[in-house]
Amino acid sequence: MSIPENLAAILARIDAARKAAIAPAPKTNLVAVSKTVSEAGVRGAIAAGQRLFGENRVQEAQGKFPQLKAEFSDLELHLIGPLQTNKTKDVVALCDVLQTLDRAKLADSLATERDRQGKCPRLFVQVNTGEEPQKAGVLPADTAALIAYARKLELPLIGLMCIPPVEDDVAPHFAFLAKLARENGLSELSMGMSGDFEMAVRFGATYVRVGSAIFGARLAHPSTSSG
């Protein structure tokens, strides 16, 4: 199937999952994960009407999106991979959303760049719901403190994001993240990828991150934030 056909099929599946949900989110946004996808592939998705894209690496995003964002003013770029503080400046300059805030040091760096550049991406706190030592994300027990810290800095925090362990049943992770968001007064939930986004929608995901189901198989990167 072509990229436009894949996008149409995924949007139809999202709609069906929303209708099956007990309490669906007001809207579920599709983030097309374009890591390792060529600019031509991204343009194919744009031509089909897609406007939200996700990248894992700042350097790769810088190679594709400045020109695309100049051409398409409504294009929205999400960084969905772990971020080192030495890349904060670049992310603030290019990205509309950062989904991987996971520590106070990064919050401080974002606040500094916000004051310097006069803008800041909308932010999700990434929660390591499986408490996996090799994976980025704040531990569940420390999430409320990080949220409070980001709010003290007056950062534009809007929601929570998670990537459940590959071997786990994802439903408890999605349910937990939704509960954590409610307890902390956050309305946005980024959860669900190509293999489980319908389940995420049923648990109230407002953003799902889908890559391979749109663009096809790609070279693997040593990261856990893919779609």
C-alpha atoms as a PDB file:
ATOM      1  CA  MET A   1       0.000   0.000   0.000  1.00  0.00           C
ATOM      2  CA  SER A   2       1.071   3.583  -0.622  1.00  0.00           C
ATOM      3  CA  ILE A   3       1.706   6.202   2.056  1.00  0.00           C
ATOM      4  CA  PRO A   4      -1.675   7.896   1.389  1.00  0.00           C
ATOM      5  CA  GLU A   5      -3.447   4.525   1.579  1.00  0.00           C
ATOM      6  CA  ASN A   6      -1.640   3.644   4.815  1.00  0.00           C
ATOM      7  CA  LEU A   7      -2.544   6.999   6.365  1.00  0.00           C
ATOM      8  CA  ALA A   8      -6.200   6.606   5.415  1.00  0.00           C
ATOM      9  CA  ALA A   9      -6.286   3.092   6.872  1.00  0.00           C
ATOM     10  CA  ILE A  10      -4.695   4.177  10.157  1.00  0.00           C
ATOM     11  CA  LEU A  11      -7.030   7.151  10.536  1.00  0.00           C
ATOM     12  CA  ALA A  12      -9.984   4.811   9.976  1.00  0.00           C
ATOM     13  CA  ARG A  13      -8.653   2.445  12.646  1.00  0.00           C
ATOM     14  CA  ILE A  14      -8.212   5.345  15.074  1.00  0.00           C
ATOM     15  CA  ASP A  15     -11.799   6.415  14.445  1.00  0.00           C
ATOM     16  CA  ALA A  16     -13.081   2.876  15.014  1.00  0.00           C
ATOM     17  CA  ALA A  17     -11.086   2.548  18.228  1.00  0.00           C
ATOM     18  CA  ARG A  18     -12.462   5.870  19.490  1.00  0.00           C
ATOM     19  CA  LYS A  19     -16.002   4.669  18.858  1.00  0.00           C
ATOM     20  CA  ALA A  20     -15.264   1.488  20.833  1.00  0.00           C
ATOM     21  CA  ALA A  21     -13.751   3.357  23.776  1.00  0.00           C
ATOM     22  CA  ILE A  22     -15.691   3.750  27.007  1.00  0.00           C
ATOM     23  CA  ALA A  23     -14.503   7.339  27.434  1.00  0.00           C
ATOM     24  CA  PRO A  24     -12.709   8.460  24.260  1.00  0.00           C
ATOM     25  CA  ALA A  25     -10.376  11.428  24.215  1.00  0.00           C
ATOM     26  CA  PRO A  26     -11.785  14.645  22.736  1.00  0.00           C
ATOM     27  CA  LYS A  27      -9.490  14.085  19.755  1.00  0.00           C
ATOM     28  CA  THR A  28      -6.742  11.616  18.878  1.00  0.00           C
ATOM     29  CA  ASN A  29      -3.919  13.157  16.862  1.00  0.00           C
ATOM     30  CA  LEU A  30      -1.747  11.035  14.607  1.00  0.00           C
ATOM     31  CA  VAL A  31       1.992  11.759  14.789  1.00  0.00           C
ATOM     32  CA  ALA A  32       3.703  10.240  11.746  1.00  0.00           C
ATOM     33  CA  VAL A  33       7.114   9.030  12.937  1.00  0.00           C
ATOM     34  CA  SER A  34       9.486   9.857  10.099  1.00  0.00           C
ATOM     35  CA  LYS A  35      12.832   8.741  11.517  1.00  0.00           C
ATOM     36  CA  THR A  36      15.035   7.311   8.737  1.00  0.00           C
ATOM     37  CA  VAL A  37      12.347   8.331   6.213  1.00  0.00           C
ATOM     38  CA  SER A  38      13.575  10.451   3.320  1.00  0.00           C
ATOM     39  CA  GLU A  39      12.335  13.974   2.722  1.00  0.00           C
ATOM     40  CA  ALA A  40      10.500  12.595  -0.320  1.00  0.00           C
ATOM     41  CA  GLY A  41       8.654  10.153   1.933  1.00  0.00           C
ATOM     42  CA  VAL A  42       7.690  12.947   4.307  1.00  0.00           C
ATOM     43  CA  ARG A  43       6.482  15.014   1.359  1.00  0.00           C
ATOM     44  CA  GLY A  44       4.339  12.087   0.277  1.00  0.00           C
ATOM     45  CA  ALA A  45       2.626  12.101   3.661  1.00  0.00           C
ATOM     46  CA  ILE A  46       2.230  15.889   3.542  1.00  0.00           C
ATOM     47  CA  ALA A  47       0.603  15.618   0.107  1.00  0.00           C
ATOM     48  CA  ALA A  48      -1.884  13.182   1.647  1.00  0.00           C
ATOM     49  CA  GLY A  49      -2.798  15.745   4.311  1.00  0.00           C
ATOM     50  CA  GLN A  50      -0.569  14.706   7.220  1.00  0.00           C
ATOM     51  CA  ARG A  51       0.822  17.609   9.217  1.00  0.00           C
ATOM     52  CA  LEU A  52       2.144  16.147  12.504  1.00  0.00           C
ATOM     53  CA  PHE A  53       5.519  14.419  12.352  1.00  0.00           C
ATOM     54  CA  GLY A  54       7.827  12.891  14.948  1.00  0.00           C
ATOM     55  CA  GLU A  55      11.607  12.522  14.858  1.00  0.00           C
ATOM     56  CA  ASN A  56      13.912  10.716  17.292  1.00  0.00           C
ATOM     57  CA  ARG A  57      17.081  12.697  16.662  1.00  0.00           C
ATOM     58  CA  VAL A  58      17.629  16.421  16.479  1.00  0.00           C
ATOM     59  CA  GLN A  59      20.318  16.130  13.808  1.00  0.00           C
ATOM     60  CA  GLU A  60      18.092  14.100  11.492  1.00  0.00           C
ATOM     61  CA  ALA A  61      15.216  16.523  12.017  1.00  0.00           C
ATOM     62  CA  GLN A  62      17.501  19.433  11.129  1.00  0.00           C
ATOM     63  CA  GLY A  63      18.305  17.743   7.841  1.00  0.00           C
ATOM     64  CA  LYS A  64      14.679  17.479   6.736  1.00  0.00           C
ATOM     65  CA  PHE A  65      12.344  19.887   8.450  1.00  0.00           C
ATOM     66  CA  PRO A  66      13.581  23.503   8.244  1.00  0.00           C
ATOM     67  CA  GLN A  67      12.697  23.694   4.547  1.00  0.00           C
ATOM     68  CA  LEU A  68       9.473  21.730   4.989  1.00  0.00           C
ATOM     69  CA  LYS A  69       8.338  23.991   7.829  1.00  0.00           C
ATOM     70  CA  ALA A  70       9.139  27.022   5.700  1.00  0.00           C
ATOM     71  CA  GLU A  71       6.906  25.642   2.947  1.00  0.00           C
ATOM     72  CA  PHE A  72       4.068  24.364   5.144  1.00  0.00           C
ATOM     73  CA  SER A  73       3.230  26.782   7.942  1.00  0.00           C
ATOM     74  CA  ASP A  74       0.838  24.333   9.612  1.00  0.00           C
ATOM     75  CA  LEU A  75       3.392  21.516   9.872  1.00  0.00           C
ATOM     76  CA  GLU A  76       4.049  20.457  13.487  1.00  0.00           C
ATOM     77  CA  LEU A  77       7.266  18.716  14.507  1.00  0.00           C
ATOM     78  CA  HIS A  78       7.544  16.568  17.650  1.00  0.00           C
ATOM     79  CA  LEU A  79      10.822  15.310  19.074  1.00  0.00           C
ATOM     80  CA  ILE A  80      10.042  11.885  20.518  1.00  0.00           C
ATOM     81  CA  GLY A  81      13.545  10.600  21.294  1.00  0.00           C
ATOM     82  CA  PRO A  82      15.666  11.213  24.413  1.00  0.00           C
ATOM     83  CA  LEU A  83      17.235  14.666  24.510  1.00  0.00           C
ATOM     84  CA  GLN A  84      20.670  15.661  25.782  1.00  0.00           C
ATOM     85  CA  THR A  85      20.862  19.121  27.272  1.00  0.00           C
ATOM     86  CA  ASN A  86      23.515  20.202  24.762  1.00  0.00           C
ATOM     87  CA  LYS A  87      20.849  19.862  22.051  1.00  0.00           C
ATOM     88  CA  THR A  88      18.216  21.931  23.843  1.00  0.00           C
ATOM     89  CA  LYS A  89      18.998  25.070  21.852  1.00  0.00           C
ATOM     90  CA  ASP A  90      18.378  23.252  18.555  1.00  0.00           C
ATOM     91  CA  VAL A  91      15.142  21.665  19.753  1.00  0.00           C
ATOM     92  CA  VAL A  92      13.709  24.956  20.974  1.00  0.00           C
ATOM     93  CA  ALA A  93      14.598  26.554  17.641  1.00  0.00           C
ATOM     94  CA  LEU A  94      13.065  23.835  15.441  1.00  0.00           C
ATOM     95  CA  CYS A  95      10.482  21.731  17.282  1.00  0.00           C
ATOM     96  CA  ASP A  96       6.903  22.525  18.236  1.00  0.00           C
ATOM     97  CA  VAL A  97       6.594  19.739  20.804  1.00  0.00           C
ATOM     98  CA  LEU A  98       9.092  17.828  22.963  1.00  0.00           C
ATOM     99  CA  GLN A  99       7.646  14.573  24.253  1.00  0.00           C
ATOM    100  CA  THR A 100      10.613  13.442  26.375  1.00  0.00           C
ATOM    101  CA  LEU A 101      11.106  15.776  29.330  1.00  0.00           C
ATOM    102  CA  ASP A 102      12.369  13.396  32.013  1.00  0.00           C
ATOM    103  CA  ARG A 103      14.612  15.247  34.489  1.00  0.00           C
ATOM    104  CA  ALA A 104      15.024  18.556  36.284  1.00  0.00           C
ATOM    105  CA  LYS A 105      18.308  19.346  34.512  1.00  0.00           C
ATOM    106  CA  LEU A 106      16.546  19.234  31.145  1.00  0.00           C
ATOM    107  CA  ALA A 107      13.733  21.398  32.503  1.00  0.00           C
ATOM    108  CA  ASP A 108      16.328  23.967  33.596  1.00  0.00           C
ATOM    109  CA  SER A 109      17.937  23.894  30.149  1.00  0.00           C
ATOM    110  CA  LEU A 110      14.575  24.366  28.437  1.00  0.00           C
ATOM    111  CA  ALA A 111      13.743  27.310  30.697  1.00  0.00           C
ATOM    112  CA  THR A 112      17.091  28.926  29.891  1.00  0.00           C
ATOM    113  CA  GLU A 113      16.545  28.545  26.154  1.00  0.00           C
ATOM    114  CA  ARG A 114      12.952  29.749  26.457  1.00  0.00           C
ATOM    115  CA  ASP A 115      14.207  32.954  28.038  1.00  0.00           C
ATOM    116  CA  ARG A 116      16.934  33.287  25.394  1.00  0.00           C
ATOM    117  CA  GLN A 117      14.843  32.531  22.306  1.00  0.00           C
ATOM    118  CA  GLY A 118      11.487  33.817  23.521  1.00  0.00           C
ATOM    119  CA  LYS A 119       9.682  30.554  22.801  1.00  0.00           C
ATOM    120  CA  CYS A 120       9.470  26.958  23.999  1.00  0.00           C
ATOM    121  CA  PRO A 121       8.018  23.741  22.567  1.00  0.00           C
ATOM    122  CA  ARG A 122       4.950  22.322  24.273  1.00  0.00           C
ATOM    123  CA  LEU A 123       6.122  19.589  26.621  1.00  0.00           C
ATOM    124  CA  PHE A 124       5.224  16.075  27.662  1.00  0.00           C
ATOM    125  CA  VAL A 125       6.861  14.373  30.610  1.00  0.00           C
ATOM    126  CA  GLN A 126       8.059  10.927  29.573  1.00  0.00           C
ATOM    127  CA  VAL A 127       7.215   8.377  32.266  1.00  0.00           C
ATOM    128  CA  ASN A 128       9.152   5.102  32.473  1.00  0.00           C
ATOM    129  CA  THR A 129       6.063   3.109  33.415  1.00  0.00           C
ATOM    130  CA  GLY A 130       7.952  -0.191  33.262  1.00  0.00           C
ATOM    131  CA  GLU A 131      10.805   1.167  35.403  1.00  0.00           C
ATOM    132  CA  GLU A 132      13.283  -0.204  32.858  1.00  0.00           C
ATOM    133  CA  PRO A 133      16.855   0.833  33.725  1.00  0.00           C
ATOM    134  CA  GLN A 134      17.930   1.061  30.063  1.00  0.00           C
ATOM    135  CA  LYS A 135      15.047   3.314  29.035  1.00  0.00           C
ATOM    136  CA  ALA A 136      14.627   7.071  29.304  1.00  0.00           C
ATOM    137  CA  GLY A 137      11.801   8.562  31.338  1.00  0.00           C
ATOM    138  CA  VAL A 138      11.141   9.636  34.882  1.00  0.00           C
ATOM    139  CA  LEU A 139      10.158   6.906  37.332  1.00  0.00           C
ATOM    140  CA  PRO A 140       6.468   6.875  38.280  1.00  0.00           C
ATOM    141  CA  ALA A 141       7.226   7.725  41.915  1.00  0.00           C
ATOM    142  CA  ASP A 142       9.149  10.839  40.831  1.00  0.00           C
ATOM    143  CA  THR A 143       6.697  12.064  38.189  1.00  0.00           C
ATOM    144  CA  ALA A 144       4.635  14.406  40.366  1.00  0.00           C
ATOM    145  CA  ALA A 145       7.783  16.144  41.611  1.00  0.00           C
ATOM    146  CA  LEU A 146       9.061  16.706  38.065  1.00  0.00           C
ATOM    147  CA  ILE A 147       5.677  18.051  36.985  1.00  0.00           C
ATOM    148  CA  ALA A 148       5.694  20.458  39.916  1.00  0.00           C
ATOM    149  CA  TYR A 149       9.223  21.560  39.068  1.00  0.00           C
ATOM    150  CA  ALA A 150       8.336  22.206  35.399  1.00  0.00           C
ATOM    151  CA  ARG A 151       5.331  24.238  36.507  1.00  0.00           C
ATOM    152  CA  LYS A 152       7.474  26.249  38.910  1.00  0.00           C
ATOM    153  CA  LEU A 153       9.644  27.165  35.931  1.00  0.00           C
ATOM    154  CA  GLU A 154       6.452  28.094  34.037  1.00  0.00           C
ATOM    155  CA  LEU A 155       7.243  25.675  31.220  1.00  0.00           C
ATOM    156  CA  PRO A 156       4.397  24.820  28.797  1.00  0.00           C
ATOM    157  CA  LEU A 157       3.734  21.324  30.126  1.00  0.00           C
ATOM    158  CA  ILE A 158       0.662  19.731  28.540  1.00  0.00           C
ATOM    159  CA  GLY A 159       0.780  15.971  29.094  1.00  0.00           C
ATOM    160  CA  LEU A 160       2.475  12.632  29.708  1.00  0.00           C
ATOM    161  CA  MET A 161       4.115  10.152  27.358  1.00  0.00           C
ATOM    162  CA  CYS A 162       5.140   6.515  27.793  1.00  0.00           C
ATOM    163  CA  ILE A 163       6.690   3.591  25.922  1.00  0.00           C
ATOM    164  CA  PRO A 164       5.672   0.336  27.662  1.00  0.00           C
ATOM    165  CA  PRO A 165       8.102  -2.598  27.823  1.00  0.00           C
ATOM    166  CA  VAL A 166       7.999  -4.607  24.607  1.00  0.00           C
ATOM    167  CA  GLU A 167       7.125  -7.859  26.368  1.00  0.00           C
ATOM    168  CA  ASP A 168       4.356  -6.425  28.575  1.00  0.00           C
ATOM    169  CA  ASP A 169       0.607  -6.189  28.141  1.00  0.00           C
ATOM    170  CA  VAL A 170       0.301  -2.511  27.231  1.00  0.00           C
ATOM    171  CA  ALA A 171      -3.169  -1.973  28.698  1.00  0.00           C
ATOM    172  CA  PRO A 172      -2.075  -1.568  32.348  1.00  0.00           C
ATOM    173  CA  HIS A 173       0.628   0.901  31.281  1.00  0.00           C
ATOM    174  CA  PHE A 174      -1.840   3.004  29.296  1.00  0.00           C
ATOM    175  CA  ALA A 175      -4.380   2.910  32.126  1.00  0.00           C
ATOM    176  CA  PHE A 176      -1.719   3.937  34.631  1.00  0.00           C
ATOM    177  CA  LEU A 177      -0.509   6.842  32.491  1.00  0.00           C
ATOM    178  CA  ALA A 178      -4.078   8.098  32.058  1.00  0.00           C
ATOM    179  CA  LYS A 179      -4.618   7.937  35.824  1.00  0.00           C
ATOM    180  CA  LEU A 180      -1.344   9.752  36.488  1.00  0.00           C
ATOM    181  CA  ALA A 181      -2.313  12.511  34.058  1.00  0.00           C
ATOM    182  CA  ARG A 182      -5.701  12.984  35.723  1.00  0.00           C
ATOM    183  CA  GLU A 183      -4.123  13.137  39.177  1.00  0.00           C
ATOM    184  CA  ASN A 184      -1.749  15.858  38.006  1.00  0.00           C
ATOM    185  CA  GLY A 185      -4.220  17.923  36.008  1.00  0.00           C
ATOM    186  CA  LEU A 186      -2.771  17.145  32.571  1.00  0.00           C
ATOM    187  CA  SER A 187      -5.056  16.632  29.601  1.00  0.00           C
ATOM    188  CA  GLU A 188      -2.768  15.219  26.911  1.00  0.00           C
ATOM    189  CA  LEU A 189      -1.595  11.613  26.599  1.00  0.00           C
ATOM    190  CA  SER A 190       0.971  10.431  24.053  1.00  0.00           C
ATOM    191  CA  MET A 191       0.897   6.656  23.996  1.00  0.00           C
ATOM    192  CA  GLY A 192       0.593   3.911  21.433  1.00  0.00           C
ATOM    193  CA  MET A 193       2.726   3.044  18.400  1.00  0.00           C
ATOM    194  CA  SER A 194       2.238   0.999  15.218  1.00  0.00           C
ATOM    195  CA  GLY A 195       1.531  -2.246  17.049  1.00  0.00           C
ATOM    196  CA  ASP A 196      -0.729  -0.987  19.825  1.00  0.00           C
ATOM    197  CA  PHE A 197      -2.156   2.439  18.965  1.00  0.00           C
ATOM    198  CA  GLU A 198      -5.750   1.177  18.895  1.00  0.00           C
ATOM    199  CA  MET A 199      -5.442   0.012  22.492  1.00  0.00           C
ATOM    200  CA  ALA A 200      -3.951   3.389  23.412  1.00  0.00           C
ATOM    201  CA  VAL A 201      -6.906   5.176  21.808  1.00  0.00           C
ATOM    202  CA  ARG A 202      -9.304   3.094  23.888  1.00  0.00           C
ATOM    203  CA  PHE A 203      -7.509   4.337  27.012  1.00  0.00           C
ATOM    204  CA  GLY A 204      -7.795   7.978  25.992  1.00  0.00           C
ATOM    205  CA  ALA A 205      -4.640   8.718  23.979  1.00  0.00           C
ATOM    206  CA  THR A 206      -4.731  12.207  22.516  1.00  0.00           C
ATOM    207  CA  TYR A 207      -1.575  11.504  20.473  1.00  0.00           C
ATOM    208  CA  VAL A 208      -0.435   8.223  18.930  1.00  0.00           C
ATOM    209  CA  ARG A 209       2.998   7.797  17.348  1.00  0.00           C
ATOM    210  CA  VAL A 210       2.924   5.650  14.215  1.00  0.00           C
ATOM    211  CA  GLY A 211       5.834   5.151  11.838  1.00  0.00           C
ATOM    212  CA  SER A 212       6.328   1.767  10.177  1.00  0.00           C
ATOM    213  CA  ALA A 213       2.588   1.286   9.575  1.00  0.00           C
ATOM    214  CA  ILE A 214       2.687   4.485   7.494  1.00  0.00           C
ATOM    215  CA  PHE A 215       6.098   4.459   5.844  1.00  0.00           C
ATOM    216  CA  GLY A 216       6.909   0.734   5.821  1.00  0.00           C
ATOM    217  CA  ALA A 217       9.910  -1.126   7.210  1.00  0.00           C
ATOM    218  CA  ARG A 218      13.030   0.910   7.836  1.00  0.00           C
ATOM    219  CA  LEU A 219      16.525   0.596   9.191  1.00  0.00           C
ATOM    220  CA  ALA A 220      16.473   0.157  12.955  1.00  0.00           C
ATOM    221  CA  HIS A 221      17.963   2.796  15.212  1.00  0.00           C
ATOM    222  CA  PRO A 222      19.212   1.962  18.726  1.00  0.00           C
ATOM    223  CA  SER A 223      16.282   3.780  20.308  1.00  0.00           C
ATOM    224  CA  THR A 224      13.021   2.860  21.981  1.00  0.00           C
ATOM    225  CA  SER A 225      10.928   5.831  20.905  1.00  0.00           C
ATOM    226  CA  SER A 226       9.958   4.600  17.463  1.00  0.00           C
ATOM    227  CA  GLY A 227       6.498   4.216  16.058  1.00  0.00           C
END
